[in-house]
Structures are given as structure tokens and as C-alpha cells.
Amino acid sequence: MLSPLRDLFAAVFFLAIGLTVSPDDLLPLLPAALALAAITTATKLVTGHYAVSRDQVGRRGRGWLRNIHEWCRWSDQCPEGRHRLRF
């Protein structure tokens, strides 16, 4: 019962904060935001590589396309023709 009120409060809160921030104030922070995004991407890639190396996952099992293929093989919601993919 409180979930809709919580969502409404969150929307009003972020709208009010968004309207008080001037876009000119954000421009000097763009280089820092881009640097943090690059660092986050790099650490996620390194962590993922470490995890699959530690668990001795084979090269063919590391790709996301392999996961889509496995999902389509066992799911009725597979797009037409997807089940013909070979990895």
C-alpha cells in the first residue's frame, strides 16, 4: 500500500533536485564523470576476467553470445532463427 506513495515521493524528490541544478554547474564536472566511468568499466572488465580465470571457464563459455544460445536452446521465447546459431 505504501509502494505507490514511495514511488511518488521519489519522483517528486528527484524532479525537485533536477530543477534546482543548473546545467552550467555540471559542465566542469564532465571530465571527472568520464574518468569515473572509464575506471568503472576497466575494473568491471578486470574483475570479470579474474572471475572466469579463477573458475577455469573455457574460452567458448566466456562470451555473452554463448549465454544467449544456451537460453534460446531451453526457452520457448527464442526469436525465430536464433536456435540455428552455432558457437
Protein backbone atom coordinates (compact mmCIF):
# COMPACT_ATOMS: atom_id res chain seq x y z
CA MET A 1 0.00 0.00 0.00
CA LEU A 2 2.90 2.36 0.66
CA SER A 3 4.76 1.45 -2.51
CA PRO A 4 2.90 3.95 -4.77
CA LEU A 5 3.48 6.72 -2.23
CA ARG A 6 7.17 5.85 -2.05
CA ASP A 7 7.44 5.97 -5.83
CA LEU A 8 5.61 9.30 -5.97
CA PHE A 9 7.90 10.77 -3.31
CA ALA A 10 10.98 9.56 -5.18
CA ALA A 11 9.75 11.10 -8.44
CA VAL A 12 8.94 14.44 -6.81
CA PHE A 13 12.24 14.47 -4.92
CA PHE A 14 14.40 13.83 -7.97
CA LEU A 15 12.38 16.25 -10.08
CA ALA A 16 12.87 18.99 -7.48
CA ILE A 17 16.61 18.29 -7.23
CA GLY A 18 16.91 18.17 -11.01
CA LEU A 19 15.20 21.52 -11.42
CA THR A 20 17.49 23.21 -8.89
CA VAL A 21 20.72 22.13 -10.61
CA SER A 22 21.96 24.41 -13.34
CA PRO A 23 23.46 22.66 -16.40
CA ASP A 24 26.30 25.20 -16.32
CA ASP A 25 27.31 23.84 -12.90
CA LEU A 26 27.62 20.32 -14.32
CA LEU A 27 29.92 21.10 -17.25
CA PRO A 28 33.13 21.46 -15.16
CA LEU A 29 32.41 18.04 -13.63
CA LEU A 30 32.22 16.26 -17.00
CA PRO A 31 35.92 15.22 -17.10
CA ALA A 32 35.66 13.70 -13.62
CA ALA A 33 32.45 11.86 -14.57
CA LEU A 34 34.07 10.47 -17.73
CA ALA A 35 37.15 9.39 -15.77
CA LEU A 36 34.99 7.60 -13.21
CA ALA A 37 33.04 5.88 -15.99
CA ALA A 38 36.31 4.70 -17.59
CA ILE A 39 37.64 3.43 -14.26
CA THR A 40 34.37 1.61 -13.55
CA THR A 41 34.43 -0.05 -16.97
CA ALA A 42 38.05 -1.10 -16.60
CA THR A 43 37.57 -2.56 -13.13
CA LYS A 44 34.48 -4.49 -14.25
CA LEU A 45 36.45 -6.00 -17.15
CA VAL A 46 39.39 -6.90 -14.90
CA THR A 47 37.10 -8.40 -12.26
CA GLY A 48 35.23 -10.44 -14.86
CA HIS A 49 38.46 -11.72 -16.37
CA TYR A 50 39.74 -12.66 -12.92
CA ALA A 51 36.49 -14.47 -12.06
CA VAL A 52 36.39 -16.59 -15.22
CA SER A 53 40.10 -17.36 -14.91
CA ARG A 54 39.73 -18.41 -11.29
CA ASP A 55 36.78 -20.69 -12.10
CA GLN A 56 38.63 -22.06 -15.16
CA VAL A 57 35.84 -21.19 -17.57
CA GLY A 58 36.74 -22.22 -21.10
CA ARG A 59 37.21 -19.62 -23.81
CA ARG A 60 33.94 -20.58 -25.51
CA GLY A 61 31.98 -20.12 -22.27
CA ARG A 62 33.17 -16.57 -21.66
CA GLY A 63 31.13 -14.80 -24.34
CA TRP A 64 27.66 -13.38 -23.85
CA LEU A 65 26.53 -14.85 -27.18
CA ARG A 66 27.11 -18.30 -25.75
CA ASN A 67 24.72 -17.46 -22.91
CA ILE A 68 22.08 -16.28 -25.39
CA HIS A 69 22.47 -19.51 -27.33
CA GLU A 70 22.00 -21.61 -24.19
CA TRP A 71 18.98 -19.55 -23.16
CA CYS A 72 17.39 -19.94 -26.58
CA ARG A 73 18.05 -23.66 -26.61
CA TRP A 74 15.97 -24.17 -23.46
CA SER A 75 13.41 -21.38 -23.84
CA ASP A 76 10.23 -21.12 -25.92
CA GLN A 77 10.76 -17.36 -26.20
CA CYS A 78 13.68 -17.61 -28.59
CA PRO A 79 13.49 -15.34 -31.68
CA GLU A 80 12.97 -17.19 -34.95
CA GLY A 81 16.21 -18.49 -36.41
CA ARG A 82 18.22 -17.92 -33.23
CA HIS A 83 18.29 -21.65 -32.46
CA ARG A 84 20.37 -22.22 -35.59
CA LEU A 85 23.37 -20.34 -34.19
CA ARG A 86 26.44 -22.48 -33.68
CA PHE A 87 29.27 -21.45 -31.37
